Amino acid sequence: MGLALLVGTITLVDLRTLGLGMRRQTVSELAAQLAPWTRAGLVVMLTTGAVLFSADVTRYDHNPAFRMKMVFLLLALVSHFTIHRHAGKLAAILSLTLWTCVVIGGRGIADFDV
């Protein structure tokens, strides 16, 4: 749920930045309206993710998909809180790419269990 809220709201803003949909609102208006949901998704994701990780540290520590997900998650969060708001379409494309990699990495965790 947290990931869906976080990535879903960021994706909506990115798509609006690229001129795809929600044209009645400016990018900044849409981002402001979705910000509480984005923050809620981040809190839920980081909280539940930490709990899941602590439940089986060894499993996740040796899983290449988990490691990939964590790298892309860090890059996506750094991008979101730095360049995302200021770099326009290039930042939107980068954001969509990074968050897609986070989702794929999360899905891949079960496929690469050691």
PDB file of N, CA and C in Angstrom:
ATOM      1  N   MET A   1       0.824  -1.185   0.000  1.00  0.00           N
ATOM      2  CA  MET A   1       0.000   0.000   0.000  1.00  0.00           C
ATOM      3  C   MET A   1       0.871   1.254   0.000  1.00  0.00           C
ATOM      4  N   GLY A   2       1.917   1.226   0.816  1.00  0.00           N
ATOM      5  CA  GLY A   2       2.811   2.378   0.884  1.00  0.00           C
ATOM      6  C   GLY A   2       3.490   2.649  -0.442  1.00  0.00           C
ATOM      7  N   LEU A   3       3.977   1.596  -1.065  1.00  0.00           N
ATOM      8  CA  LEU A   3       4.647   1.744  -2.355  1.00  0.00           C
ATOM      9  C   LEU A   3       3.670   2.251  -3.415  1.00  0.00           C
ATOM     10  N   ALA A   4       2.454   1.745  -3.388  1.00  0.00           N
ATOM     11  CA  ALA A   4       1.449   2.188  -4.361  1.00  0.00           C
ATOM     12  C   ALA A   4       1.134   3.673  -4.178  1.00  0.00           C
ATOM     13  N   LEU A   5       0.998   4.116  -2.937  1.00  0.00           N
ATOM     14  CA  LEU A   5       0.744   5.535  -2.678  1.00  0.00           C
ATOM     15  C   LEU A   5       1.921   6.392  -3.116  1.00  0.00           C
ATOM     16  N   LEU A   6       3.102   5.997  -2.697  1.00  0.00           N
ATOM     17  CA  LEU A   6       4.297   6.778  -3.007  1.00  0.00           C
ATOM     18  C   LEU A   6       4.546   6.843  -4.509  1.00  0.00           C
ATOM     19  N   VAL A   7       4.680   5.689  -5.126  1.00  0.00           N
ATOM     20  CA  VAL A   7       5.008   5.642  -6.552  1.00  0.00           C
ATOM     21  C   VAL A   7       3.837   6.147  -7.391  1.00  0.00           C
ATOM     22  N   GLY A   8       2.627   5.840  -6.973  1.00  0.00           N
ATOM     23  CA  GLY A   8       1.454   6.291  -7.726  1.00  0.00           C
ATOM     24  C   GLY A   8       1.342   7.807  -7.785  1.00  0.00           C
ATOM     25  N   THR A   9       1.520   8.470  -6.667  1.00  0.00           N
ATOM     26  CA  THR A   9       1.407   9.928  -6.655  1.00  0.00           C
ATOM     27  C   THR A   9       2.568  10.586  -7.398  1.00  0.00           C
ATOM     28  N   ILE A  10       3.760  10.045  -7.227  1.00  0.00           N
ATOM     29  CA  ILE A  10       4.923  10.591  -7.946  1.00  0.00           C
ATOM     30  C   ILE A  10       4.744  10.385  -9.451  1.00  0.00           C
ATOM     31  N   THR A  11       4.225   9.242  -9.843  1.00  0.00           N
ATOM     32  CA  THR A  11       3.989   8.971 -11.262  1.00  0.00           C
ATOM     33  C   THR A  11       2.982   9.954 -11.848  1.00  0.00           C
ATOM     34  N   LEU A  12       1.929  10.253 -11.116  1.00  0.00           N
ATOM     35  CA  LEU A  12       0.953  11.228 -11.600  1.00  0.00           C
ATOM     36  C   LEU A  12       1.607  12.585 -11.855  1.00  0.00           C
ATOM     37  N   VAL A  13       2.444  13.029 -10.926  1.00  0.00           N
ATOM     38  CA  VAL A  13       3.129  14.314 -11.097  1.00  0.00           C
ATOM     39  C   VAL A  13       4.105  14.247 -12.276  1.00  0.00           C
ATOM     40  N   ASP A  14       4.829  13.134 -12.388  1.00  0.00           N
ATOM     41  CA  ASP A  14       5.773  12.983 -13.503  1.00  0.00           C
ATOM     42  C   ASP A  14       5.048  13.003 -14.846  1.00  0.00           C
ATOM     43  N   LEU A  15       3.943  12.290 -14.936  1.00  0.00           N
ATOM     44  CA  LEU A  15       3.182  12.271 -16.185  1.00  0.00           C
ATOM     45  C   LEU A  15       2.638  13.659 -16.515  1.00  0.00           C
ATOM     46  N   ARG A  16       2.199  14.382 -15.489  1.00  0.00           N
ATOM     47  CA  ARG A  16       1.732  15.761 -15.716  1.00  0.00           C
ATOM     48  C   ARG A  16       2.888  16.635 -16.188  1.00  0.00           C
ATOM     49  N   THR A  17       4.073  16.446 -15.616  1.00  0.00           N
ATOM     50  CA  THR A  17       5.254  17.200 -16.030  1.00  0.00           C
ATOM     51  C   THR A  17       5.567  16.952 -17.502  1.00  0.00           C
ATOM     52  N   LEU A  18       5.324  15.737 -17.944  1.00  0.00           N
ATOM     53  CA  LEU A  18       5.568  15.376 -19.343  1.00  0.00           C
ATOM     54  C   LEU A  18       4.418  15.805 -20.261  1.00  0.00           C
ATOM     55  N   GLY A  19       3.389  16.415 -19.677  1.00  0.00           N
ATOM     56  CA  GLY A  19       2.263  16.890 -20.475  1.00  0.00           C
ATOM     57  C   GLY A  19       1.227  15.831 -20.778  1.00  0.00           C
ATOM     58  N   LEU A  20       1.259  14.743 -20.028  1.00  0.00           N
ATOM     59  CA  LEU A  20       0.332  13.640 -20.258  1.00  0.00           C
ATOM     60  C   LEU A  20      -0.747  13.623 -19.171  1.00  0.00           C
ATOM     61  N   GLY A  21      -1.863  14.220 -19.444  1.00  0.00           N
ATOM     62  CA  GLY A  21      -2.995  14.177 -18.527  1.00  0.00           C
ATOM     63  C   GLY A  21      -3.004  15.271 -17.481  1.00  0.00           C
ATOM     64  N   MET A  22      -4.145  15.407 -16.843  1.00  0.00           N
ATOM     65  CA  MET A  22      -4.393  16.337 -15.739  1.00  0.00           C
ATOM     66  C   MET A  22      -3.978  17.762 -16.097  1.00  0.00           C
ATOM     67  N   ARG A  23      -4.303  18.189 -17.268  1.00  0.00           N
ATOM     68  CA  ARG A  23      -3.853  19.486 -17.779  1.00  0.00           C
ATOM     69  C   ARG A  23      -4.590  20.675 -17.185  1.00  0.00           C
ATOM     70  N   ARG A  24      -5.625  20.426 -16.427  1.00  0.00           N
ATOM     71  CA  ARG A  24      -6.351  21.535 -15.787  1.00  0.00           C
ATOM     72  C   ARG A  24      -5.571  22.099 -14.608  1.00  0.00           C
ATOM     73  N   GLN A  25      -4.595  21.350 -14.135  1.00  0.00           N
ATOM     74  CA  GLN A  25      -3.794  21.777 -12.999  1.00  0.00           C
ATOM     75  C   GLN A  25      -2.352  21.974 -13.436  1.00  0.00           C
ATOM     76  N   THR A  26      -1.682  22.912 -12.788  1.00  0.00           N
ATOM     77  CA  THR A  26      -0.252  23.038 -13.034  1.00  0.00           C
ATOM     78  C   THR A  26       0.456  21.903 -12.298  1.00  0.00           C
ATOM     79  N   VAL A  27       1.688  21.676 -12.671  1.00  0.00           N
ATOM     80  CA  VAL A  27       2.469  20.627 -12.017  1.00  0.00           C
ATOM     81  C   VAL A  27       2.584  20.922 -10.524  1.00  0.00           C
ATOM     82  N   SER A  28       2.860  22.159 -10.177  1.00  0.00           N
ATOM     83  CA  SER A  28       3.026  22.502  -8.761  1.00  0.00           C
ATOM     84  C   SER A  28       1.723  22.350  -7.974  1.00  0.00           C
ATOM     85  N   GLU A  29       0.587  22.683  -8.590  1.00  0.00           N
ATOM     86  CA  GLU A  29      -0.703  22.482  -7.915  1.00  0.00           C
ATOM     87  C   GLU A  29      -0.948  21.000  -7.653  1.00  0.00           C
ATOM     88  N   LEU A  30      -0.708  20.186  -8.673  1.00  0.00           N
ATOM     89  CA  LEU A  30      -0.920  18.747  -8.526  1.00  0.00           C
ATOM     90  C   LEU A  30       0.018  18.171  -7.472  1.00  0.00           C
ATOM     91  N   ALA A  31       1.269  18.566  -7.528  1.00  0.00           N
ATOM     92  CA  ALA A  31       2.244  18.073  -6.546  1.00  0.00           C
ATOM     93  C   ALA A  31       1.840  18.473  -5.134  1.00  0.00           C
ATOM     94  N   ALA A  32       1.360  19.688  -4.956  1.00  0.00           N
ATOM     95  CA  ALA A  32       0.933  20.149  -3.631  1.00  0.00           C
ATOM     96  C   ALA A  32      -0.284  19.364  -3.135  1.00  0.00           C
ATOM     97  N   GLN A  33      -1.227  19.104  -4.030  1.00  0.00           N
ATOM     98  CA  GLN A  33      -2.421  18.353  -3.641  1.00  0.00           C
ATOM     99  C   GLN A  33      -2.091  16.910  -3.275  1.00  0.00           C
ATOM    100  N   LEU A  34      -1.104  16.326  -3.967  1.00  0.00           N
ATOM    101  CA  LEU A  34      -0.754  14.929  -3.725  1.00  0.00           C
ATOM    102  C   LEU A  34       0.311  14.752  -2.639  1.00  0.00           C
ATOM    103  N   ALA A  35       0.944  15.835  -2.219  1.00  0.00           N
ATOM    104  CA  ALA A  35       2.054  15.751  -1.260  1.00  0.00           C
ATOM    105  C   ALA A  35       1.705  14.996   0.026  1.00  0.00           C
ATOM    106  N   PRO A  36       0.546  15.235   0.642  1.00  0.00           N
ATOM    107  CA  PRO A  36       0.238  14.467   1.859  1.00  0.00           C
ATOM    108  C   PRO A  36       0.172  12.964   1.603  1.00  0.00           C
ATOM    109  N   TRP A  37      -0.363  12.579   0.444  1.00  0.00           N
ATOM    110  CA  TRP A  37      -0.454  11.162   0.091  1.00  0.00           C
ATOM    111  C   TRP A  37       0.922  10.582  -0.203  1.00  0.00           C
ATOM    112  N   THR A  38       1.762  11.384  -0.845  1.00  0.00           N
ATOM    113  CA  THR A  38       3.122  10.944  -1.140  1.00  0.00           C
ATOM    114  C   THR A  38       3.885  10.711   0.160  1.00  0.00           C
ATOM    115  N   ARG A  39       3.789  11.655   1.084  1.00  0.00           N
ATOM    116  CA  ARG A  39       4.465  11.507   2.390  1.00  0.00           C
ATOM    117  C   ARG A  39       3.917  10.309   3.164  1.00  0.00           C
ATOM    118  N   ALA A  40       2.604  10.120   3.127  1.00  0.00           N
ATOM    119  CA  ALA A  40       2.004   8.978   3.822  1.00  0.00           C
ATOM    120  C   ALA A  40       2.523   7.670   3.227  1.00  0.00           C
ATOM    121  N   GLY A  41       2.603   7.601   1.914  1.00  0.00           N
ATOM    122  CA  GLY A  41       3.133   6.407   1.256  1.00  0.00           C
ATOM    123  C   GLY A  41       4.571   6.144   1.645  1.00  0.00           C
ATOM    124  N   LEU A  42       5.376   7.197   1.735  1.00  0.00           N
ATOM    125  CA  LEU A  42       6.775   7.053   2.129  1.00  0.00           C
ATOM    126  C   LEU A  42       6.889   6.531   3.553  1.00  0.00           C
ATOM    127  N   VAL A  43       6.103   7.080   4.456  1.00  0.00           N
ATOM    128  CA  VAL A  43       6.137   6.630   5.857  1.00  0.00           C
ATOM    129  C   VAL A  43       5.713   5.169   5.966  1.00  0.00           C
ATOM    130  N   VAL A  44       4.624   4.812   5.312  1.00  0.00           N
ATOM    131  CA  VAL A  44       4.147   3.421   5.357  1.00  0.00           C
ATOM    132  C   VAL A  44       5.192   2.487   4.754  1.00  0.00           C
ATOM    133  N   MET A  45       5.750   2.865   3.609  1.00  0.00           N
ATOM    134  CA  MET A  45       6.719   2.006   2.929  1.00  0.00           C
ATOM    135  C   MET A  45       7.985   1.818   3.769  1.00  0.00           C
ATOM    136  N   LEU A  46       8.511   2.896   4.316  1.00  0.00           N
ATOM    137  CA  LEU A  46       9.739   2.774   5.105  1.00  0.00           C
ATOM    138  C   LEU A  46       9.504   2.003   6.410  1.00  0.00           C
ATOM    139  N   THR A  47       8.341   2.189   7.005  1.00  0.00           N
ATOM    140  CA  THR A  47       8.029   1.475   8.249  1.00  0.00           C
ATOM    141  C   THR A  47       7.837  -0.019   8.003  1.00  0.00           C
ATOM    142  N   THR A  48       6.983  -0.355   7.058  1.00  0.00           N
ATOM    143  CA  THR A  48       6.721  -1.774   6.807  1.00  0.00           C
ATOM    144  C   THR A  48       7.935  -2.457   6.183  1.00  0.00           C
ATOM    145  N   GLY A  49       8.683  -1.726   5.372  1.00  0.00           N
ATOM    146  CA  GLY A  49       9.898  -2.294   4.787  1.00  0.00           C
ATOM    147  C   GLY A  49      10.928  -2.640   5.839  1.00  0.00           C
ATOM    148  N   ALA A  50      11.091  -1.762   6.817  1.00  0.00           N
ATOM    149  CA  ALA A  50      12.039  -2.029   7.903  1.00  0.00           C
ATOM    150  C   ALA A  50      11.606  -3.241   8.730  1.00  0.00           C
ATOM    151  N   VAL A  51      10.313  -3.366   8.968  1.00  0.00           N
ATOM    152  CA  VAL A  51       9.795  -4.513   9.720  1.00  0.00           C
ATOM    153  C   VAL A  51      10.027  -5.808   8.942  1.00  0.00           C
ATOM    154  N   LEU A  52       9.717  -5.793   7.649  1.00  0.00           N
ATOM    155  CA  LEU A  52       9.941  -6.988   6.828  1.00  0.00           C
ATOM    156  C   LEU A  52      11.422  -7.359   6.780  1.00  0.00           C
ATOM    157  N   PHE A  53      12.276  -6.372   6.613  1.00  0.00           N
ATOM    158  CA  PHE A  53      13.713  -6.635   6.569  1.00  0.00           C
ATOM    159  C   PHE A  53      14.203  -7.232   7.881  1.00  0.00           C
ATOM    160  N   SER A  54      13.776  -6.669   8.998  1.00  0.00           N
ATOM    161  CA  SER A  54      14.240  -7.156  10.305  1.00  0.00           C
ATOM    162  C   SER A  54      13.733  -8.561  10.610  1.00  0.00           C
ATOM    163  N   ALA A  55      12.660  -8.985   9.946  1.00  0.00           N
ATOM    164  CA  ALA A  55      12.116 -10.325  10.184  1.00  0.00           C
ATOM    165  C   ALA A  55      13.014 -11.425   9.624  1.00  0.00           C
ATOM    166  N   ASP A  56      13.809 -11.104   8.592  1.00  0.00           N
ATOM    167  CA  ASP A  56      14.677 -12.115   7.989  1.00  0.00           C
ATOM    168  C   ASP A  56      15.869 -11.436   7.310  1.00  0.00           C
ATOM    169  N   VAL A  57      16.737 -10.870   8.121  1.00  0.00           N
ATOM    170  CA  VAL A  57      17.879 -10.090   7.628  1.00  0.00           C
ATOM    171  C   VAL A  57      18.767 -10.911   6.704  1.00  0.00           C
ATOM    172  N   THR A  58      19.048 -12.136   7.056  1.00  0.00           N
ATOM    173  CA  THR A  58      19.940 -12.974   6.253  1.00  0.00           C
ATOM    174  C   THR A  58      19.395 -13.186   4.847  1.00  0.00           C
ATOM    175  N   ARG A  59      18.110 -13.453   4.761  1.00  0.00           N
ATOM    176  CA  ARG A  59      17.483 -13.679   3.451  1.00  0.00           C
ATOM    177  C   ARG A  59      17.666 -12.465   2.548  1.00  0.00           C
ATOM    178  N   TYR A  60      17.361 -11.300   3.071  1.00  0.00           N
ATOM    179  CA  TYR A  60      17.418 -10.096   2.251  1.00  0.00           C
ATOM    180  C   TYR A  60      18.847  -9.645   1.984  1.00  0.00           C
ATOM    181  N   ASP A  61      19.722  -9.856   2.941  1.00  0.00           N
ATOM    182  CA  ASP A  61      21.105  -9.421   2.798  1.00  0.00           C
ATOM    183  C   ASP A  61      21.806 -10.126   1.638  1.00  0.00           C
ATOM    184  N   HIS A  62      21.435 -11.354   1.358  1.00  0.00           N
ATOM    185  CA  HIS A  62      22.073 -12.132   0.302  1.00  0.00           C
ATOM    186  C   HIS A  62      21.283 -12.148  -1.013  1.00  0.00           C
ATOM    187  N   ASN A  63      20.239 -11.374  -1.090  1.00  0.00           N
ATOM    188  CA  ASN A  63      19.368 -11.374  -2.258  1.00  0.00           C
ATOM    189  C   ASN A  63      19.767 -10.234  -3.210  1.00  0.00           C
ATOM    190  N   PRO A  64      20.230 -10.568  -4.433  1.00  0.00           N
ATOM    191  CA  PRO A  64      20.668  -9.507  -5.362  1.00  0.00           C
ATOM    192  C   PRO A  64      19.537  -8.563  -5.780  1.00  0.00           C
ATOM    193  N   ALA A  65      18.319  -9.053  -5.877  1.00  0.00           N
ATOM    194  CA  ALA A  65      17.192  -8.187  -6.239  1.00  0.00           C
ATOM    195  C   ALA A  65      16.907  -7.185  -5.123  1.00  0.00           C
ATOM    196  N   PHE A  66      17.033  -7.624  -3.875  1.00  0.00           N
ATOM    197  CA  PHE A  66      16.841  -6.710  -2.749  1.00  0.00           C
ATOM    198  C   PHE A  66      17.901  -5.618  -2.771  1.00  0.00           C
ATOM    199  N   ARG A  67      19.128  -6.004  -3.025  1.00  0.00           N
ATOM    200  CA  ARG A  67      20.213  -5.014  -3.086  1.00  0.00           C
ATOM    201  C   ARG A  67      19.966  -4.020  -4.209  1.00  0.00           C
ATOM    202  N   MET A  68      19.545  -4.524  -5.362  1.00  0.00           N
ATOM    203  CA  MET A  68      19.233  -3.645  -6.484  1.00  0.00           C
ATOM    204  C   MET A  68      18.103  -2.681  -6.110  1.00  0.00           C
ATOM    205  N   LYS A  69      17.074  -3.221  -5.469  1.00  0.00           N
ATOM    206  CA  LYS A  69      15.950  -2.381  -5.068  1.00  0.00           C
ATOM    207  C   LYS A  69      16.406  -1.281  -4.128  1.00  0.00           C
ATOM    208  N   MET A  70      17.261  -1.606  -3.182  1.00  0.00           N
ATOM    209  CA  MET A  70      17.724  -0.606  -2.220  1.00  0.00           C
ATOM    210  C   MET A  70      18.550   0.486  -2.897  1.00  0.00           C
ATOM    211  N   VAL A  71      19.383   0.107  -3.851  1.00  0.00           N
ATOM    212  CA  VAL A  71      20.178   1.103  -4.590  1.00  0.00           C
ATOM    213  C   VAL A  71      19.257   2.034  -5.359  1.00  0.00           C
ATOM    214  N   PHE A  72      18.308   1.452  -6.093  1.00  0.00           N
ATOM    215  CA  PHE A  72      17.389   2.280  -6.870  1.00  0.00           C
ATOM    216  C   PHE A  72      16.462   3.094  -5.972  1.00  0.00           C
ATOM    217  N   LEU A  73      16.081   2.559  -4.834  1.00  0.00           N
ATOM    218  CA  LEU A  73      15.251   3.310  -3.890  1.00  0.00           C
ATOM    219  C   LEU A  73      16.009   4.534  -3.385  1.00  0.00           C
ATOM    220  N   LEU A  74      17.256   4.344  -3.019  1.00  0.00           N
ATOM    221  CA  LEU A  74      18.070   5.471  -2.560  1.00  0.00           C
ATOM    222  C   LEU A  74      18.204   6.519  -3.667  1.00  0.00           C
ATOM    223  N   LEU A  75      18.519   6.076  -4.882  1.00  0.00           N
ATOM    224  CA  LEU A  75      18.649   7.011  -6.001  1.00  0.00           C
ATOM    225  C   LEU A  75      17.328   7.737  -6.287  1.00  0.00           C
ATOM    226  N   ALA A  76      16.223   7.003  -6.235  1.00  0.00           N
ATOM    227  CA  ALA A  76      14.913   7.603  -6.503  1.00  0.00           C
ATOM    228  C   ALA A  76      14.552   8.637  -5.438  1.00  0.00           C
ATOM    229  N   LEU A  77      14.828   8.327  -4.178  1.00  0.00           N
ATOM    230  CA  LEU A  77      14.518   9.274  -3.104  1.00  0.00           C
ATOM    231  C   LEU A  77      15.408  10.513  -3.173  1.00  0.00           C
ATOM    232  N   VAL A  78      16.696  10.311  -3.429  1.00  0.00           N
ATOM    233  CA  VAL A  78      17.600  11.457  -3.561  1.00  0.00           C
ATOM    234  C   VAL A  78      17.154  12.327  -4.731  1.00  0.00           C
ATOM    235  N   SER A  79      16.835  11.696  -5.843  1.00  0.00           N
ATOM    236  CA  SER A  79      16.366  12.440  -7.017  1.00  0.00           C
ATOM    237  C   SER A  79      15.084  13.207  -6.690  1.00  0.00           C
ATOM    238  N   HIS A  80      14.160  12.546  -6.021  1.00  0.00           N
ATOM    239  CA  HIS A  80      12.873  13.168  -5.710  1.00  0.00           C
ATOM    240  C   HIS A  80      13.032  14.399  -4.821  1.00  0.00           C
ATOM    241  N   PHE A  81      13.905  14.313  -3.840  1.00  0.00           N
ATOM    242  CA  PHE A  81      14.048  15.416  -2.895  1.00  0.00           C
ATOM    243  C   PHE A  81      15.100  16.436  -3.304  1.00  0.00           C
ATOM    244  N   THR A  82      15.704  16.280  -4.481  1.00  0.00           N
ATOM    245  CA  THR A  82      16.688  17.267  -4.945  1.00  0.00           C
ATOM    246  C   THR A  82      16.286  17.815  -6.312  1.00  0.00           C
ATOM    247  N   ILE A  83      16.624  17.106  -7.386  1.00  0.00           N
ATOM    248  CA  ILE A  83      16.425  17.645  -8.733  1.00  0.00           C
ATOM    249  C   ILE A  83      15.002  17.542  -9.261  1.00  0.00           C
ATOM    250  N   HIS A  84      14.214  16.664  -8.685  1.00  0.00           N
ATOM    251  CA  HIS A  84      12.884  16.359  -9.228  1.00  0.00           C
ATOM    252  C   HIS A  84      12.021  17.603  -9.402  1.00  0.00           C
ATOM    253  N   ARG A  85      12.078  18.506  -8.479  1.00  0.00           N
ATOM    254  CA  ARG A  85      11.198  19.670  -8.511  1.00  0.00           C
ATOM    255  C   ARG A  85      11.664  20.760  -9.477  1.00  0.00           C
ATOM    256  N   HIS A  86      12.890  20.650  -9.938  1.00  0.00           N
ATOM    257  CA  HIS A  86      13.456  21.779 -10.676  1.00  0.00           C
ATOM    258  C   HIS A  86      13.902  21.465 -12.098  1.00  0.00           C
ATOM    259  N   ALA A  87      14.018  20.217 -12.451  1.00  0.00           N
ATOM    260  CA  ALA A  87      14.652  19.894 -13.736  1.00  0.00           C
ATOM    261  C   ALA A  87      13.670  19.526 -14.843  1.00  0.00           C
ATOM    262  N   GLY A  88      12.387  19.629 -14.607  1.00  0.00           N
ATOM    263  CA  GLY A  88      11.411  19.454 -15.674  1.00  0.00           C
ATOM    264  C   GLY A  88      11.295  18.048 -16.235  1.00  0.00           C
ATOM    265  N   LYS A  89      11.196  17.987 -17.552  1.00  0.00           N
ATOM    266  CA  LYS A  89      10.897  16.725 -18.229  1.00  0.00           C
ATOM    267  C   LYS A  89      11.988  15.677 -18.050  1.00  0.00           C
ATOM    268  N   LEU A  90      13.231  16.086 -18.065  1.00  0.00           N
ATOM    269  CA  LEU A  90      14.319  15.127 -17.863  1.00  0.00           C
ATOM    270  C   LEU A  90      14.220  14.490 -16.475  1.00  0.00           C
ATOM    271  N   ALA A  91      13.915  15.299 -15.476  1.00  0.00           N
ATOM    272  CA  ALA A  91      13.754  14.766 -14.122  1.00  0.00           C
ATOM    273  C   ALA A  91      12.566  13.822 -14.034  1.00  0.00           C
ATOM    274  N   ALA A  92      11.496  14.129 -14.755  1.00  0.00           N
ATOM    275  CA  ALA A  92      10.310  13.262 -14.755  1.00  0.00           C
ATOM    276  C   ALA A  92      10.636  11.906 -15.372  1.00  0.00           C
ATOM    277  N   ILE A  93      11.375  11.913 -16.460  1.00  0.00           N
ATOM    278  CA  ILE A  93      11.766  10.653 -17.106  1.00  0.00           C
ATOM    279  C   ILE A  93      12.689   9.858 -16.194  1.00  0.00           C
ATOM    280  N   LEU A  94      13.656  10.543 -15.573  1.00  0.00           N
ATOM    281  CA  LEU A  94      14.555   9.874 -14.630  1.00  0.00           C
ATOM    282  C   LEU A  94      13.765   9.284 -13.465  1.00  0.00           C
ATOM    283  N   SER A  95      12.831  10.052 -12.940  1.00  0.00           N
ATOM    284  CA  SER A  95      12.016   9.597 -11.820  1.00  0.00           C
ATOM    285  C   SER A  95      11.205   8.355 -12.193  1.00  0.00           C
ATOM    286  N   LEU A  96      10.536   8.395 -13.331  1.00  0.00           N
ATOM    287  CA  LEU A  96       9.750   7.235 -13.768  1.00  0.00           C
ATOM    288  C   LEU A  96      10.642   6.003 -13.941  1.00  0.00           C
ATOM    289  N   THR A  97      11.824   6.197 -14.467  1.00  0.00           N
ATOM    290  CA  THR A  97      12.757   5.092 -14.659  1.00  0.00           C
ATOM    291  C   THR A  97      13.214   4.511 -13.326  1.00  0.00           C
ATOM    292  N   LEU A  98      13.606   5.389 -12.405  1.00  0.00           N
ATOM    293  CA  LEU A  98      14.092   4.913 -11.108  1.00  0.00           C
ATOM    294  C   LEU A  98      12.999   4.197 -10.322  1.00  0.00           C
ATOM    295  N   TRP A  99      11.798   4.761 -10.289  1.00  0.00           N
ATOM    296  CA  TRP A  99      10.723   4.119  -9.528  1.00  0.00           C
ATOM    297  C   TRP A  99      10.293   2.803 -10.174  1.00  0.00           C
ATOM    298  N   THR A 100      10.361   2.711 -11.487  1.00  0.00           N
ATOM    299  CA  THR A 100      10.078   1.444 -12.156  1.00  0.00           C
ATOM    300  C   THR A 100      11.100   0.397 -11.732  1.00  0.00           C
ATOM    301  N   CYS A 101      12.362   0.795 -11.642  1.00  0.00           N
ATOM    302  CA  CYS A 101      13.406  -0.138 -11.194  1.00  0.00           C
ATOM    303  C   CYS A 101      13.185  -0.574  -9.746  1.00  0.00           C
ATOM    304  N   VAL A 102      12.700   0.331  -8.897  1.00  0.00           N
ATOM    305  CA  VAL A 102      12.391  -0.032  -7.508  1.00  0.00           C
ATOM    306  C   VAL A 102      11.298  -1.097  -7.482  1.00  0.00           C
ATOM    307  N   VAL A 103      10.258  -0.887  -8.247  1.00  0.00           N
ATOM    308  CA  VAL A 103       9.142  -1.848  -8.282  1.00  0.00           C
ATOM    309  C   VAL A 103       9.608  -3.191  -8.836  1.00  0.00           C
ATOM    310  N   ILE A 104      10.373  -3.182  -9.914  1.00  0.00           N
ATOM    311  CA  ILE A 104      10.880  -4.429 -10.494  1.00  0.00           C
ATOM    312  C   ILE A 104      11.799  -5.138  -9.505  1.00  0.00           C
ATOM    313  N   GLY A 105      12.647  -4.374  -8.821  1.00  0.00           N
ATOM    314  CA  GLY A 105      13.520  -4.969  -7.806  1.00  0.00           C
ATOM    315  C   GLY A 105      12.724  -5.617  -6.693  1.00  0.00           C
ATOM    316  N   GLY A 106      11.664  -4.948  -6.250  1.00  0.00           N
ATOM    317  CA  GLY A 106      10.816  -5.524  -5.205  1.00  0.00           C
ATOM    318  C   GLY A 106      10.150  -6.799  -5.647  1.00  0.00           C
ATOM    319  N   ARG A 107       9.691  -6.813  -6.874  1.00  0.00           N
ATOM    320  CA  ARG A 107       9.072  -8.039  -7.401  1.00  0.00           C
ATOM    321  C   ARG A 107      10.084  -9.147  -7.567  1.00  0.00           C
ATOM    322  N   GLY A 108      11.305  -8.788  -7.899  1.00  0.00           N
ATOM    323  CA  GLY A 108      12.346  -9.768  -8.122  1.00  0.00           C
ATOM    324  C   GLY A 108      12.880 -10.423  -6.867  1.00  0.00           C
ATOM    325  N   ILE A 109      12.581  -9.872  -5.717  1.00  0.00           N
ATOM    326  CA  ILE A 109      13.093 -10.442  -4.455  1.00  0.00           C
ATOM    327  C   ILE A 109      12.676 -11.905  -4.312  1.00  0.00           C
ATOM    328  N   ALA A 110      11.435 -12.209  -4.601  1.00  0.00           N
ATOM    329  CA  ALA A 110      10.965 -13.594  -4.475  1.00  0.00           C
ATOM    330  C   ALA A 110      11.623 -14.505  -5.514  1.00  0.00           C
ATOM    331  N   ASP A 111      11.955 -13.940  -6.658  1.00  0.00           N
ATOM    332  CA  ASP A 111      12.552 -14.753  -7.730  1.00  0.00           C
ATOM    333  C   ASP A 111      14.024 -15.083  -7.492  1.00  0.00           C
ATOM    334  N   PHE A 112      14.683 -14.310  -6.650  1.00  0.00           N
ATOM    335  CA  PHE A 112      16.111 -14.525  -6.428  1.00  0.00           C
ATOM    336  C   PHE A 112      16.419 -14.976  -4.999  1.00  0.00           C
ATOM    337  N   ASP A 113      15.472 -15.601  -4.358  1.00  0.00           N
ATOM    338  CA  ASP A 113      15.722 -16.119  -3.010  1.00  0.00           C
ATOM    339  C   ASP A 113      16.861 -17.116  -3.034  1.00  0.00           C
ATOM    340  N   VAL A 114      17.755 -16.956  -2.108  1.00  0.00           N
ATOM    341  CA  VAL A 114      18.922 -17.853  -2.031  1.00  0.00           C
ATOM    342  C   VAL A 114      18.662 -18.926  -1.002  1.00  0.00           C
TER     343      VAL A 114
END
